[in-house]
PDB file of N, CA and C in Angstrom:
ATOM      1  N   MET A   1       0.831  -1.186   0.000  1.00  0.00           N
ATOM      2  CA  MET A   1       0.000   0.000   0.000  1.00  0.00           C
ATOM      3  C   MET A   1       0.876   1.250   0.000  1.00  0.00           C
ATOM      4  N   PRO A   2       1.486   1.570  -1.103  1.00  0.00           N
ATOM      5  CA  PRO A   2       2.337   2.758  -1.137  1.00  0.00           C
ATOM      6  C   PRO A   2       1.544   4.055  -1.027  1.00  0.00           C
ATOM      7  N   HIS A   3       2.080   4.952  -0.227  1.00  0.00           N
ATOM      8  CA  HIS A   3       1.567   6.327  -0.157  1.00  0.00           C
ATOM      9  C   HIS A   3       2.756   7.232  -0.483  1.00  0.00           C
ATOM     10  N   VAL A   4       2.618   8.022  -1.508  1.00  0.00           N
ATOM     11  CA  VAL A   4       3.697   8.895  -1.973  1.00  0.00           C
ATOM     12  C   VAL A   4       3.308  10.338  -1.671  1.00  0.00           C
ATOM     13  N   ILE A   5       4.228  11.070  -1.059  1.00  0.00           N
ATOM     14  CA  ILE A   5       3.993  12.484  -0.777  1.00  0.00           C
ATOM     15  C   ILE A   5       4.987  13.306  -1.587  1.00  0.00           C
ATOM     16  N   VAL A   6       4.478  14.232  -2.369  1.00  0.00           N
ATOM     17  CA  VAL A   6       5.300  15.156  -3.135  1.00  0.00           C
ATOM     18  C   VAL A   6       5.200  16.510  -2.449  1.00  0.00           C
ATOM     19  N   LYS A   7       6.345  17.070  -2.099  1.00  0.00           N
ATOM     20  CA  LYS A   7       6.380  18.406  -1.517  1.00  0.00           C
ATOM     21  C   LYS A   7       7.024  19.318  -2.545  1.00  0.00           C
ATOM     22  N   GLN A   8       6.356  20.433  -2.830  1.00  0.00           N
ATOM     23  CA  GLN A   8       6.839  21.311  -3.892  1.00  0.00           C
ATOM     24  C   GLN A   8       6.535  22.760  -3.571  1.00  0.00           C
ATOM     25  N   TRP A   9       7.252  23.625  -4.265  1.00  0.00           N
ATOM     26  CA  TRP A   9       6.972  25.051  -4.159  1.00  0.00           C
ATOM     27  C   TRP A   9       5.657  25.360  -4.856  1.00  0.00           C
ATOM     28  N   PRO A  10       5.031  26.490  -4.537  1.00  0.00           N
ATOM     29  CA  PRO A  10       3.799  26.898  -5.204  1.00  0.00           C
ATOM     30  C   PRO A  10       4.041  27.228  -6.677  1.00  0.00           C
ATOM     31  N   GLY A  11       2.947  27.279  -7.413  1.00  0.00           N
ATOM     32  CA  GLY A  11       3.028  27.745  -8.791  1.00  0.00           C
ATOM     33  C   GLY A  11       2.624  26.737  -9.839  1.00  0.00           C
ATOM     34  N   LYS A  12       2.321  25.525  -9.445  1.00  0.00           N
ATOM     35  CA  LYS A  12       1.883  24.516 -10.411  1.00  0.00           C
ATOM     36  C   LYS A  12       0.358  24.439 -10.403  1.00  0.00           C
ATOM     37  N   SER A  13      -0.204  24.226 -11.568  1.00  0.00           N
ATOM     38  CA  SER A  13      -1.658  24.186 -11.691  1.00  0.00           C
ATOM     39  C   SER A  13      -2.224  22.873 -11.137  1.00  0.00           C
ATOM     40  N   GLU A  14      -3.509  22.877 -10.905  1.00  0.00           N
ATOM     41  CA  GLU A  14      -4.185  21.650 -10.455  1.00  0.00           C
ATOM     42  C   GLU A  14      -4.052  20.565 -11.524  1.00  0.00           C
ATOM     43  N   GLN A  15      -4.090  20.958 -12.790  1.00  0.00           N
ATOM     44  CA  GLN A  15      -3.931  20.001 -13.878  1.00  0.00           C
ATOM     45  C   GLN A  15      -2.537  19.364 -13.833  1.00  0.00           C
ATOM     46  N   GLN A  16      -1.518  20.160 -13.606  1.00  0.00           N
ATOM     47  CA  GLN A  16      -0.158  19.627 -13.503  1.00  0.00           C
ATOM     48  C   GLN A  16      -0.033  18.676 -12.312  1.00  0.00           C
ATOM     49  N   LYS A  17      -0.623  19.048 -11.196  1.00  0.00           N
ATOM     50  CA  LYS A  17      -0.565  18.187 -10.010  1.00  0.00           C
ATOM     51  C   LYS A  17      -1.277  16.861 -10.267  1.00  0.00           C
ATOM     52  N   GLN A  18      -2.420  16.919 -10.931  1.00  0.00           N
ATOM     53  CA  GLN A  18      -3.143  15.680 -11.243  1.00  0.00           C
ATOM     54  C   GLN A  18      -2.353  14.814 -12.217  1.00  0.00           C
ATOM     55  N   GLN A  19      -1.745  15.434 -13.211  1.00  0.00           N
ATOM     56  CA  GLN A  19      -0.918  14.675 -14.155  1.00  0.00           C
ATOM     57  C   GLN A  19       0.250  14.006 -13.446  1.00  0.00           C
ATOM     58  N   LEU A  20       0.866  14.708 -12.507  1.00  0.00           N
ATOM     59  CA  LEU A  20       1.969  14.132 -11.742  1.00  0.00           C
ATOM     60  C   LEU A  20       1.479  12.961 -10.896  1.00  0.00           C
ATOM     61  N   ALA A  21       0.369  13.144 -10.217  1.00  0.00           N
ATOM     62  CA  ALA A  21      -0.193  12.061  -9.395  1.00  0.00           C
ATOM     63  C   ALA A  21      -0.538  10.852 -10.258  1.00  0.00           C
ATOM     64  N   ASP A  22      -1.091  11.081 -11.439  1.00  0.00           N
ATOM     65  CA  ASP A  22      -1.419   9.978 -12.349  1.00  0.00           C
ATOM     66  C   ASP A  22      -0.155   9.243 -12.803  1.00  0.00           C
ATOM     67  N   ALA A  23       0.890  10.001 -13.121  1.00  0.00           N
ATOM     68  CA  ALA A  23       2.143   9.389 -13.572  1.00  0.00           C
ATOM     69  C   ALA A  23       2.804   8.591 -12.450  1.00  0.00           C
ATOM     70  N   ILE A  24       2.780   9.125 -11.242  1.00  0.00           N
ATOM     71  CA  ILE A  24       3.337   8.392 -10.097  1.00  0.00           C
ATOM     72  C   ILE A  24       2.550   7.118  -9.863  1.00  0.00           C
ATOM     73  N   THR A  25       1.233   7.204  -9.904  1.00  0.00           N
ATOM     74  CA  THR A  25       0.391   6.022  -9.706  1.00  0.00           C
ATOM     75  C   THR A  25       0.682   4.968 -10.767  1.00  0.00           C
ATOM     76  N   LYS A  26       0.801   5.399 -12.002  1.00  0.00           N
ATOM     77  CA  LYS A  26       1.095   4.470 -13.091  1.00  0.00           C
ATOM     78  C   LYS A  26       2.445   3.788 -12.876  1.00  0.00           C
ATOM     79  N   ALA A  27       3.453   4.550 -12.476  1.00  0.00           N
ATOM     80  CA  ALA A  27       4.771   3.970 -12.239  1.00  0.00           C
ATOM     81  C   ALA A  27       4.757   2.991 -11.074  1.00  0.00           C
ATOM     82  N   VAL A  28       4.086   3.359  -9.986  1.00  0.00           N
ATOM     83  CA  VAL A  28       4.026   2.473  -8.820  1.00  0.00           C
ATOM     84  C   VAL A  28       3.330   1.162  -9.174  1.00  0.00           C
ATOM     85  N   THR A  29       2.231   1.239  -9.886  1.00  0.00           N
ATOM     86  CA  THR A  29       1.513   0.008 -10.228  1.00  0.00           C
ATOM     87  C   THR A  29       2.331  -0.857 -11.182  1.00  0.00           C
ATOM     88  N   ALA A  30       3.005  -0.237 -12.137  1.00  0.00           N
ATOM     89  CA  ALA A  30       3.789  -0.997 -13.113  1.00  0.00           C
ATOM     90  C   ALA A  30       5.045  -1.609 -12.494  1.00  0.00           C
ATOM     91  N   ILE A  31       5.729  -0.854 -11.664  1.00  0.00           N
ATOM     92  CA  ILE A  31       7.013  -1.310 -11.134  1.00  0.00           C
ATOM     93  C   ILE A  31       6.847  -2.206  -9.911  1.00  0.00           C
ATOM     94  N   LEU A  32       5.934  -1.836  -9.029  1.00  0.00           N
ATOM     95  CA  LEU A  32       5.784  -2.585  -7.780  1.00  0.00           C
ATOM     96  C   LEU A  32       4.683  -3.640  -7.818  1.00  0.00           C
ATOM     97  N   GLY A  33       3.856  -3.589  -8.844  1.00  0.00           N
ATOM     98  CA  GLY A  33       2.831  -4.615  -8.998  1.00  0.00           C
ATOM     99  C   GLY A  33       1.597  -4.430  -8.139  1.00  0.00           C
ATOM    100  N   TYR A  34       1.377  -3.243  -7.604  1.00  0.00           N
ATOM    101  CA  TYR A  34       0.162  -2.969  -6.840  1.00  0.00           C
ATOM    102  C   TYR A  34      -0.959  -2.559  -7.786  1.00  0.00           C
ATOM    103  N   GLY A  35      -2.196  -2.792  -7.376  1.00  0.00           N
ATOM    104  CA  GLY A  35      -3.333  -2.268  -8.119  1.00  0.00           C
ATOM    105  C   GLY A  35      -3.489  -0.781  -7.829  1.00  0.00           C
ATOM    106  N   LYS A  36      -4.117  -0.081  -8.744  1.00  0.00           N
ATOM    107  CA  LYS A  36      -4.320   1.368  -8.604  1.00  0.00           C
ATOM    108  C   LYS A  36      -5.032   1.714  -7.296  1.00  0.00           C
ATOM    109  N   GLU A  37      -5.926   0.824  -6.861  1.00  0.00           N
ATOM    110  CA  GLU A  37      -6.687   1.078  -5.637  1.00  0.00           C
ATOM    111  C   GLU A  37      -5.812   1.043  -4.377  1.00  0.00           C
ATOM    112  N   SER A  38      -4.602   0.542  -4.504  1.00  0.00           N
ATOM    113  CA  SER A  38      -3.699   0.442  -3.352  1.00  0.00           C
ATOM    114  C   SER A  38      -2.750   1.627  -3.227  1.00  0.00           C
ATOM    115  N   VAL A  39      -2.782   2.529  -4.189  1.00  0.00           N
ATOM    116  CA  VAL A  39      -1.820   3.633  -4.240  1.00  0.00           C
ATOM    117  C   VAL A  39      -2.522   4.946  -3.899  1.00  0.00           C
ATOM    118  N   SER A  40      -1.864   5.744  -3.073  1.00  0.00           N
ATOM    119  CA  SER A  40      -2.356   7.101  -2.817  1.00  0.00           C
ATOM    120  C   SER A  40      -1.194   8.075  -3.011  1.00  0.00           C
ATOM    121  N   VAL A  41      -1.527   9.259  -3.496  1.00  0.00           N
ATOM    122  CA  VAL A  41      -0.520  10.282  -3.772  1.00  0.00           C
ATOM    123  C   VAL A  41      -1.019  11.606  -3.199  1.00  0.00           C
ATOM    124  N   GLY A  42      -0.200  12.217  -2.368  1.00  0.00           N
ATOM    125  CA  GLY A  42      -0.511  13.535  -1.832  1.00  0.00           C
ATOM    126  C   GLY A  42       0.485  14.554  -2.339  1.00  0.00           C
ATOM    127  N   ILE A  43       0.013  15.768  -2.558  1.00  0.00           N
ATOM    128  CA  ILE A  43       0.892  16.848  -2.989  1.00  0.00           C
ATOM    129  C   ILE A  43       0.732  17.985  -1.985  1.00  0.00           C
ATOM    130  N   GLU A  44       1.841  18.345  -1.359  1.00  0.00           N
ATOM    131  CA  GLU A  44       1.849  19.408  -0.357  1.00  0.00           C
ATOM    132  C   GLU A  44       2.644  20.587  -0.897  1.00  0.00           C
ATOM    133  N   VAL A  45       2.050  21.753  -0.872  1.00  0.00           N
ATOM    134  CA  VAL A  45       2.712  22.963  -1.338  1.00  0.00           C
ATOM    135  C   VAL A  45       3.403  23.621  -0.145  1.00  0.00           C
ATOM    136  N   VAL A  46       4.693  23.869  -0.305  1.00  0.00           N
ATOM    137  CA  VAL A  46       5.513  24.464   0.757  1.00  0.00           C
ATOM    138  C   VAL A  46       6.105  25.767   0.229  1.00  0.00           C
ATOM    139  N   GLN A  47       5.955  26.815   0.976  1.00  0.00           N
ATOM    140  CA  GLN A  47       6.502  28.105   0.577  1.00  0.00           C
ATOM    141  C   GLN A  47       8.035  28.046   0.584  1.00  0.00           C
ATOM    142  N   PRO A  48       8.682  28.709  -0.355  1.00  0.00           N
ATOM    143  CA  PRO A  48      10.148  28.680  -0.420  1.00  0.00           C
ATOM    144  C   PRO A  48      10.827  29.051   0.901  1.00  0.00           C
ATOM    145  N   ALA A  49      10.295  30.021   1.604  1.00  0.00           N
ATOM    146  CA  ALA A  49      10.905  30.458   2.863  1.00  0.00           C
ATOM    147  C   ALA A  49      10.837  29.377   3.939  1.00  0.00           C
ATOM    148  N   ALA A  50       9.934  28.432   3.800  1.00  0.00           N
ATOM    149  CA  ALA A  50       9.766  27.366   4.785  1.00  0.00           C
ATOM    150  C   ALA A  50      10.443  26.063   4.363  1.00  0.00           C
ATOM    151  N   TRP A  51      11.032  26.028   3.175  1.00  0.00           N
ATOM    152  CA  TRP A  51      11.580  24.780   2.621  1.00  0.00           C
ATOM    153  C   TRP A  51      12.621  24.125   3.527  1.00  0.00           C
ATOM    154  N   LEU A  52      13.552  24.891   4.032  1.00  0.00           N
ATOM    155  CA  LEU A  52      14.597  24.322   4.888  1.00  0.00           C
ATOM    156  C   LEU A  52      14.009  23.665   6.132  1.00  0.00           C
ATOM    157  N   ASP A  53      13.150  24.386   6.833  1.00  0.00           N
ATOM    158  CA  ASP A  53      12.594  23.879   8.090  1.00  0.00           C
ATOM    159  C   ASP A  53      11.579  22.768   7.892  1.00  0.00           C
ATOM    160  N   GLU A  54      10.751  22.868   6.852  1.00  0.00           N
ATOM    161  CA  GLU A  54       9.648  21.919   6.682  1.00  0.00           C
ATOM    162  C   GLU A  54       9.976  20.729   5.789  1.00  0.00           C
ATOM    163  N   VAL A  55      10.987  20.857   4.932  1.00  0.00           N
ATOM    164  CA  VAL A  55      11.291  19.772   3.992  1.00  0.00           C
ATOM    165  C   VAL A  55      12.759  19.348   4.071  1.00  0.00           C
ATOM    166  N   TYR A  56      13.674  20.253   3.785  1.00  0.00           N
ATOM    167  CA  TYR A  56      15.074  19.851   3.653  1.00  0.00           C
ATOM    168  C   TYR A  56      15.627  19.211   4.929  1.00  0.00           C
ATOM    169  N   ASN A  57      15.497  19.904   6.053  1.00  0.00           N
ATOM    170  CA  ASN A  57      16.079  19.380   7.289  1.00  0.00           C
ATOM    171  C   ASN A  57      15.429  18.069   7.747  1.00  0.00           C
ATOM    172  N   PRO A  58      14.103  17.969   7.832  1.00  0.00           N
ATOM    173  CA  PRO A  58      13.529  16.713   8.323  1.00  0.00           C
ATOM    174  C   PRO A  58      13.455  15.586   7.294  1.00  0.00           C
ATOM    175  N   ASP A  59      13.236  15.909   6.029  1.00  0.00           N
ATOM    176  CA  ASP A  59      12.970  14.863   5.037  1.00  0.00           C
ATOM    177  C   ASP A  59      14.143  14.533   4.123  1.00  0.00           C
ATOM    178  N   ILE A  60      15.088  15.427   4.012  1.00  0.00           N
ATOM    179  CA  ILE A  60      16.220  15.197   3.111  1.00  0.00           C
ATOM    180  C   ILE A  60      17.492  15.014   3.927  1.00  0.00           C
ATOM    181  N   LEU A  61      17.912  16.049   4.628  1.00  0.00           N
ATOM    182  CA  LEU A  61      19.131  15.970   5.426  1.00  0.00           C
ATOM    183  C   LEU A  61      19.026  14.861   6.470  1.00  0.00           C
ATOM    184  N   GLY A  62      17.876  14.754   7.100  1.00  0.00           N
ATOM    185  CA  GLY A  62      17.677  13.763   8.149  1.00  0.00           C
ATOM    186  C   GLY A  62      17.496  12.340   7.655  1.00  0.00           C
ATOM    187  N   LYS A  63      17.367  12.147   6.343  1.00  0.00           N
ATOM    188  CA  LYS A  63      17.107  10.805   5.798  1.00  0.00           C
ATOM    189  C   LYS A  63      17.939  10.541   4.546  1.00  0.00           C
ATOM    190  N   TRP A  64      19.146  11.063   4.517  1.00  0.00           N
ATOM    191  CA  TRP A  64      19.992  10.980   3.324  1.00  0.00           C
ATOM    192  C   TRP A  64      20.147   9.546   2.826  1.00  0.00           C
ATOM    193  N   ASP A  65      20.245   8.587   3.741  1.00  0.00           N
ATOM    194  CA  ASP A  65      20.477   7.194   3.354  1.00  0.00           C
ATOM    195  C   ASP A  65      19.260   6.535   2.722  1.00  0.00           C
ATOM    196  N   THR A  66      18.093   7.166   2.790  1.00  0.00           N
ATOM    197  CA  THR A  66      16.891   6.582   2.176  1.00  0.00           C
ATOM    198  C   THR A  66      16.523   7.245   0.858  1.00  0.00           C
ATOM    199  N   LEU A  67      17.275   8.258   0.444  1.00  0.00           N
ATOM    200  CA  LEU A  67      16.958   8.972  -0.798  1.00  0.00           C
ATOM    201  C   LEU A  67      17.525   8.224  -1.997  1.00  0.00           C
ATOM    202  N   TYR A  68      16.679   7.888  -2.932  1.00  0.00           N
ATOM    203  CA  TYR A  68      17.124   7.251  -4.171  1.00  0.00           C
ATOM    204  C   TYR A  68      17.373   8.291  -5.253  1.00  0.00           C
ATOM    205  N   GLN A  69      16.882   9.493  -5.054  1.00  0.00           N
ATOM    206  CA  GLN A  69      17.202  10.641  -5.898  1.00  0.00           C
ATOM    207  C   GLN A  69      17.560  11.768  -4.947  1.00  0.00           C
ATOM    208  N   LYS A  70      18.812  12.124  -4.916  1.00  0.00           N
ATOM    209  CA  LYS A  70      19.267  13.174  -4.021  1.00  0.00           C
ATOM    210  C   LYS A  70      19.207  14.526  -4.733  1.00  0.00           C
ATOM    211  N   PRO A  71      18.920  15.595  -3.989  1.00  0.00           N
ATOM    212  CA  PRO A  71      18.822  16.910  -4.620  1.00  0.00           C
ATOM    213  C   PRO A  71      20.196  17.409  -5.065  1.00  0.00           C
ATOM    214  N   GLY A  72      20.194  18.218  -6.094  1.00  0.00           N
ATOM    215  CA  GLY A  72      21.429  18.776  -6.600  1.00  0.00           C
ATOM    216  C   GLY A  72      21.581  20.246  -6.277  1.00  0.00           C
ATOM    217  N   TYR A  73      20.672  20.793  -5.477  1.00  0.00           N
ATOM    218  CA  TYR A  73      20.751  22.207  -5.148  1.00  0.00           C
ATOM    219  C   TYR A  73      21.502  22.412  -3.832  1.00  0.00           C
ATOM    220  N   ASP A  74      21.944  23.625  -3.623  1.00  0.00           N
ATOM    221  CA  ASP A  74      22.653  24.008  -2.410  1.00  0.00           C
ATOM    222  C   ASP A  74      21.636  24.568  -1.415  1.00  0.00           C
ATOM    223  N   PRO A  75      21.449  23.896  -0.273  1.00  0.00           N
ATOM    224  CA  PRO A  75      20.442  24.361   0.673  1.00  0.00           C
ATOM    225  C   PRO A  75      20.753  25.728   1.276  1.00  0.00           C
ATOM    226  N   SER A  76      21.958  26.182   1.192  1.00  0.00           N
ATOM    227  CA  SER A  76      22.284  27.507   1.723  1.00  0.00           C
ATOM    228  C   SER A  76      21.687  28.630   0.872  1.00  0.00           C
ATOM    229  N   GLN A  77      21.124  28.270  -0.294  1.00  0.00           N
ATOM    230  CA  GLN A  77      20.460  29.250  -1.168  1.00  0.00           C
ATOM    231  C   GLN A  77      19.160  29.761  -0.556  1.00  0.00           C
ATOM    232  N   PHE A  78      18.639  29.039   0.407  1.00  0.00           N
ATOM    233  CA  PHE A  78      17.314  29.389   0.952  1.00  0.00           C
ATOM    234  C   PHE A  78      17.428  30.217   2.192  1.00  0.00           C
TER     235      PHE A  78
END
């Protein structure tokens, strides 16, 4: 029962978010073999000024060993 959470900056349309959720669902079902009914996808919008405290520090820096795609940006930019 995969649940995928995407955290992103504001500025993407509802259509873009739905397309992303559909693509993630399709990939999860194809790669992991789950039915569509077993997959959920959430999209959380995080303001740029809050990125370090709400995303980078707890979800990226704090879990570096679990990231299969690591960010290429410099967190000191925020």
